[in-house]
Protein backbone atom coordinates (compact mmCIF):
# COMPACT_ATOMS: atom_id res chain seq x y z
CA MET A 1 85.95 232.24 112.82
CA ASP A 2 84.84 230.62 116.08
CA TRP A 3 88.22 229.32 117.26
CA SER A 4 86.69 227.69 120.31
CA LYS A 5 84.35 225.63 118.15
CA ALA A 6 87.13 224.76 115.71
CA LYS A 7 89.36 223.72 118.60
CA THR A 8 86.63 221.45 119.93
CA ILE A 9 86.15 219.83 116.50
CA LEU A 10 89.91 219.27 116.22
CA ILE A 11 90.09 217.66 119.65
CA VAL A 12 87.15 215.38 118.81
CA ALA A 13 88.77 214.44 115.51
CA LEU A 14 92.03 213.61 117.25
CA LEU A 15 90.18 211.48 119.79
CA VAL A 16 88.45 209.57 117.00
CA VAL A 17 91.77 208.98 115.24
CA ASN A 18 93.34 207.80 118.49
CA LEU A 19 90.44 205.43 119.10
CA ILE A 20 90.81 204.00 115.62
CA LEU A 21 94.56 203.56 116.06
CA ALA A 22 94.03 201.97 119.47
CA SER A 23 91.48 199.57 117.99
CA ILE A 24 93.86 198.61 115.20
CA TYR A 25 96.64 198.06 117.74
CA ILE A 26 94.42 195.86 119.90
CA ILE A 27 93.30 193.82 116.91
CA GLU A 28 96.88 193.37 115.72
CA ARG A 29 97.98 192.35 119.20
CA GLU A 30 95.20 189.79 119.33
CA ARG A 31 96.34 188.44 115.99
CA GLU A 32 99.92 188.32 117.20
CA ARG A 33 98.76 186.48 120.32
CA GLU A 34 97.04 183.93 118.12
CA TYR A 35 100.25 183.43 116.16
CA GLU A 36 102.23 183.00 119.36
CA LEU A 37 100.49 179.73 120.07
CA SER A 38 102.56 177.00 121.58
CA LYS A 39 102.95 173.78 119.64
CA SER A 40 100.44 172.05 121.90
CA GLU A 41 97.91 174.84 121.36
CA LEU A 42 98.41 174.60 117.59
CA ILE A 43 97.97 170.82 117.74
CA ASP A 44 94.70 171.32 119.61
CA LYS A 45 93.42 173.79 117.04
CA LEU A 46 94.32 171.47 114.18
CA SER A 47 92.72 168.56 116.01
CA GLU A 48 89.44 170.45 116.08
CA LYS A 49 89.45 170.00 112.29
CA ASP A 50 90.64 166.39 112.59
CA ILE A 51 94.08 167.35 111.25
CA LEU A 52 96.85 165.27 112.84
CA LEU A 53 100.25 166.93 113.16
CA ASN A 54 102.98 164.29 112.92
CA ALA A 55 105.88 166.47 111.81
CA ASP A 56 108.33 168.97 113.25
CA ILE A 57 107.36 172.63 112.90
CA PRO A 58 110.34 174.58 111.47
CA ASN A 59 111.55 177.29 113.80
CA GLY A 60 114.23 178.70 111.54
CA GLU A 61 114.15 181.63 109.17
CA SER A 62 111.16 181.83 106.85
CA LYS A 63 113.03 183.31 103.89
CA LEU A 64 114.80 182.15 100.74
CA ARG A 65 116.72 183.75 97.90
CA GLU A 66 114.48 184.02 94.85
CA LEU A 67 115.17 181.76 91.88
CA VAL A 68 114.61 182.33 88.20
CA VAL A 69 112.98 179.14 86.94
CA GLU A 70 111.75 177.95 83.56
CA TYR A 71 109.41 175.18 82.51
CA GLU A 72 110.78 172.09 80.85
CA LEU A 73 109.22 172.37 77.40
CA TYR A 74 108.51 169.47 75.04
CA ASN A 75 108.28 169.51 71.26
CA ALA A 76 107.09 166.71 69.01
CA ASN A 77 110.36 165.99 67.22
CA ASP A 78 112.39 165.73 70.44
CA ILE A 79 109.75 163.49 72.03
CA ASN A 80 109.77 161.25 68.98
CA PHE A 81 113.55 160.94 69.08
CA ASP A 82 113.87 160.52 72.88
CA PHE A 83 111.05 157.98 73.27
CA PHE A 84 110.92 156.19 69.92
CA ASN A 85 114.30 156.73 68.25
CA GLY A 86 112.56 158.97 65.72
CA GLU A 87 110.36 156.13 64.44
CA GLY A 88 107.07 157.18 66.03
CA THR A 89 104.08 158.88 64.44
CA ILE A 90 103.37 162.53 65.29
CA ASN A 91 99.78 163.69 65.51
CA LYS A 92 99.37 167.43 66.07
CA ILE A 93 95.80 167.83 67.32
CA ASN A 94 95.86 171.60 67.83
CA GLU A 95 98.31 174.32 68.83
CA ASP A 96 98.17 173.26 72.48
CA LEU A 97 98.04 169.49 72.08
CA PHE A 98 100.01 166.83 70.23
CA GLU A 99 100.75 163.14 70.63
CA VAL A 100 103.51 160.84 69.45
CA TYR A 101 102.88 157.11 69.34
CA MET A 102 104.44 153.84 68.31
CA GLN A 103 103.03 150.35 68.74
CA ASN A 104 101.44 150.27 72.22
CA GLU A 105 103.04 153.47 73.58
CA THR A 106 101.79 157.04 73.38
CA VAL A 107 103.22 160.33 74.60
CA THR A 108 100.77 163.22 74.87
CA VAL A 109 101.92 166.79 75.47
CA ILE A 110 99.55 169.53 76.61
CA ASN A 111 100.50 173.20 76.35
CA GLY A 112 104.11 172.20 75.84
CA LYS A 113 104.53 171.70 79.62
CA LEU A 114 102.55 168.63 80.67
CA LEU A 115 103.90 165.32 79.38
CA ILE A 116 101.82 162.14 79.73
CA TYR A 117 103.33 158.79 78.75
CA GLU A 118 101.03 155.76 78.51
CA ALA A 119 101.63 152.15 77.52
CA GLU A 120 98.80 149.74 76.89
CA LYS A 121 98.82 146.65 79.09
CA THR A 122 100.12 143.61 77.24
CA ASP A 123 100.45 139.98 78.27
CA SER A 124 103.34 139.25 80.59
CA ASN A 125 105.45 137.68 77.83
CA GLN A 126 105.38 140.78 75.61
CA LYS A 127 107.92 143.44 76.50
CA SER A 128 107.62 147.09 75.55
CA LEU A 129 110.26 148.09 73.02
CA TYR A 130 111.56 150.71 75.45
CA SER A 131 110.77 149.14 78.82
CA SER A 132 113.39 148.74 81.51
CA LYS A 133 115.22 145.43 81.60
CA ILE A 134 115.56 145.35 85.39
CA ASP A 135 114.37 142.14 87.05
CA LEU A 136 111.74 142.75 89.71
CA ASP A 137 111.68 141.17 93.14
CA ASN A 138 108.54 143.16 94.00
CA SER A 139 110.47 145.76 95.99
CA LEU A 140 109.94 149.50 96.16
CA GLU A 141 113.65 150.00 95.53
CA ASN A 142 113.39 148.23 92.19
CA ALA A 143 110.32 150.24 91.27
CA GLN A 144 112.28 153.44 91.91
CA GLU A 145 115.20 152.14 89.87
CA ILE A 146 112.87 151.38 86.97
CA ALA A 147 111.39 154.89 87.16
CA LEU A 148 114.74 156.67 87.25
CA ASN A 149 116.23 154.52 84.49
CA PHE A 150 113.15 155.23 82.38
CA LEU A 151 113.96 158.95 82.63
CA LYS A 152 117.70 158.57 82.12
CA ASP A 153 117.18 156.45 79.00
CA ARG A 154 115.15 159.30 77.53
CA GLY A 155 117.62 162.07 78.35
CA PHE A 156 116.03 163.49 81.52
CA ARG A 157 118.00 164.60 84.57
CA THR A 158 117.35 162.75 87.81
CA ASP A 159 119.66 164.58 90.23
CA ASP A 160 117.01 167.24 90.94
CA MET A 161 114.34 164.76 92.06
CA LYS A 162 113.28 163.31 95.40
CA ILE A 163 110.62 160.66 95.98
CA THR A 164 108.03 162.06 98.39
CA PHE A 165 105.24 159.48 98.18
CA SER A 166 104.79 155.87 97.16
CA THR A 167 102.12 153.23 97.44
CA VAL A 168 101.68 149.66 96.27
CA SER A 169 98.49 147.84 95.30
CA GLU A 170 97.30 145.04 93.05
CA ASP A 171 97.83 147.41 90.13
CA GLY A 172 101.49 147.89 91.00
CA TYR A 173 103.48 150.84 92.32
CA TYR A 174 102.59 154.52 92.30
CA LEU A 175 105.57 156.85 92.79
CA LEU A 176 105.54 160.61 93.21
CA TYR A 177 108.74 162.60 92.75
CA SER A 178 109.14 166.24 93.73
CA ASN A 179 111.52 168.82 92.34
CA THR A 180 114.50 169.98 94.42
CA TYR A 181 117.14 172.69 94.37
CA GLY A 182 119.77 172.31 97.05
CA ASP A 183 118.05 171.36 100.28
CA ASN A 184 114.65 172.76 99.30
CA PHE A 185 111.73 171.71 97.15
CA VAL A 186 110.76 173.63 94.02
CA GLU A 187 107.01 173.89 93.56
CA SER A 188 104.82 173.44 91.69
CA SER A 189 106.18 170.65 89.53
CA PHE A 190 106.04 166.88 89.71
CA THR A 191 106.80 163.54 88.07
CA ASN A 192 104.44 160.63 88.75
CA PHE A 193 104.87 156.99 87.78
CA GLU A 194 102.64 153.93 87.61
CA ILE A 195 104.72 150.75 87.43
CA LYS A 196 103.64 147.13 87.02
CA ASP A 197 105.39 143.93 85.95
CA GLY A 198 108.72 145.71 85.74
CA LYS A 199 107.51 148.39 83.32
CA VAL A 200 106.34 151.98 83.39
CA PHE A 201 102.72 152.03 82.26
CA ARG A 202 102.10 155.70 82.88
CA MET A 203 104.14 158.80 83.66
CA GLU A 204 103.00 162.38 84.11
CA ARG A 205 105.50 165.20 84.31
CA THR A 206 105.53 168.98 84.60
CA TRP A 207 108.95 170.22 85.61
CA LEU A 208 110.74 173.45 86.51
CA ASP A 209 114.44 173.94 85.82
CA VAL A 210 116.45 176.53 87.72
CA LYS A 211 118.13 179.08 85.42
CA ASN A 212 119.87 181.10 88.11
CA GLU A 213 119.55 182.62 91.55
CA GLY A 214 118.00 186.07 91.77
CA GLU A 215 119.25 189.05 93.72
CA SER A 216 116.47 189.34 96.28
CA ILE A 217 116.00 187.43 99.51
CA LEU A 218 112.27 187.12 100.20
CA LYS A 219 110.45 186.37 103.42
CA THR A 220 107.17 184.64 104.18
CA LEU A 221 105.19 184.06 107.37
CA PRO A 222 106.67 181.90 110.16
CA ALA A 223 105.62 178.26 109.83
CA LYS A 224 103.42 178.23 112.93
CA LYS A 225 101.57 181.28 111.72
CA ALA A 226 101.18 179.85 108.23
CA LEU A 227 99.77 176.55 109.49
CA LEU A 228 96.72 178.34 110.89
CA GLU A 229 95.63 178.71 107.26
CA LEU A 230 94.89 174.97 107.27
CA LEU A 231 91.97 175.59 109.63
CA MET A 232 90.14 177.12 106.67
CA ARG A 233 91.09 174.44 104.11
CA GLU A 234 88.36 171.82 104.19
CA GLU A 235 90.21 169.62 101.71
CA VAL A 236 92.80 168.73 104.40
CA TYR A 237 90.37 167.97 107.21
CA GLY A 238 90.92 164.41 108.42
CA LYS A 239 94.47 164.18 107.04
CA GLU A 240 97.84 163.60 108.73
CA ILE A 241 100.71 166.07 108.25
CA ILE A 242 104.05 164.26 107.84
CA ASP A 243 106.31 167.06 106.60
CA ILE A 244 106.47 170.86 106.75
CA SER A 245 109.24 172.58 104.83
CA ILE A 246 109.94 175.92 103.23
CA CYS A 247 110.08 175.76 99.43
CA TYR A 248 110.70 177.81 96.31
CA TYR A 249 107.28 178.42 94.79
CA PHE A 250 106.29 179.43 91.27
CA ASP A 251 102.70 179.35 90.04
CA PRO A 252 101.88 181.52 87.00
CA GLU A 253 98.15 181.48 87.82
CA LYS A 254 98.77 183.11 91.21
CA GLN A 255 101.83 185.27 90.64
CA ASP A 256 100.67 188.06 88.33
CA TYR A 257 100.65 185.88 85.22
CA PHE A 258 97.02 184.71 85.35
CA SER A 259 95.83 186.35 82.15
CA ARG A 260 98.62 184.72 80.14
CA TYR A 261 99.71 181.74 82.21
CA LYS A 262 99.63 179.40 79.20
CA GLU A 263 102.30 181.46 77.48
CA VAL A 264 104.54 181.84 80.54
CA VAL A 265 107.69 179.74 80.32
CA GLU A 266 109.74 181.29 83.12
CA GLY A 267 109.48 183.48 86.20
CA LYS A 268 110.71 184.14 89.71
CA THR A 269 109.95 182.07 92.79
CA ILE A 270 108.72 183.20 96.18
CA PRO A 271 109.18 181.41 99.51
CA ALA A 272 106.22 179.36 100.72
CA TRP A 273 105.45 176.52 103.08
CA ARG A 274 105.03 173.05 101.61
CA VAL A 275 102.82 170.79 103.74
CA GLN A 276 102.87 167.07 102.89
CA PHE A 277 100.20 164.65 104.07
CA SER A 278 100.46 160.91 104.61
CA ASP A 279 98.18 160.11 101.66
CA GLY A 280 100.47 161.91 99.20
CA TYR A 281 98.42 165.10 99.08
CA LYS A 282 100.35 168.34 99.49
CA ILE A 283 99.38 171.93 99.88
CA ILE A 284 101.44 175.08 99.33
CA LEU A 285 100.85 177.96 101.74
CA ASP A 286 101.99 181.21 100.16
CA PHE A 287 101.20 184.69 101.44
CA GLU A 288 102.54 187.12 98.86
């Protein structure tokens, strides 16, 4: 064996490996430099995409204890009892879709997890059999009271909800409630209301209930680093950020359940960043 030639090959190989490692180090350092942007530098980068930052950037720990959560599931008999005192008509359309209706009100349930309540508009003198009896003075506070009483009257909890967006127009109030556990939001779940003339005309709800806290404490990217992801999200260009907060996040379609997400009724959360915009739009930045 020509040891001199072999030695030369080994030296060249080591040099190549060192060059590769050095390149990786330089690239990683450049990435780290990008993530070490000051707030003003981040604002400038977001402004290039017409994204206005009008919220504090969290500087604390980017980790949360995992939660075991389960979907709030709806069956036809319970819906009939809770909404119509058991006097409604049940129409099972297929295995993933049913509706329960009575007079001018209908509750549709899709995949057992998405509940849609709708009431036909009636003249102002006709009251829905199950509408709230609160007198309106056209205030947002009353609209919220109507929404929460609507849920309470039908056996839903309201202590795990927080209103995160509202708007008023000629058609009435639109309210968006987000799910909470302790001081943090639980995503992705929601309850939306459309209210007019002192009544709920439409509600949509998909909700997650917390079963228990898991053993693991999981970490995600720092907020400033995560926000750079928005530079590649065209759907948020031109919007104003009003809140950035770490949240518990569960999405069967993204967290190893995709092939059977319809059947999934529970799972474990991961930490993610919840970014709320002034128009009610929100985006979840997760990096697992």
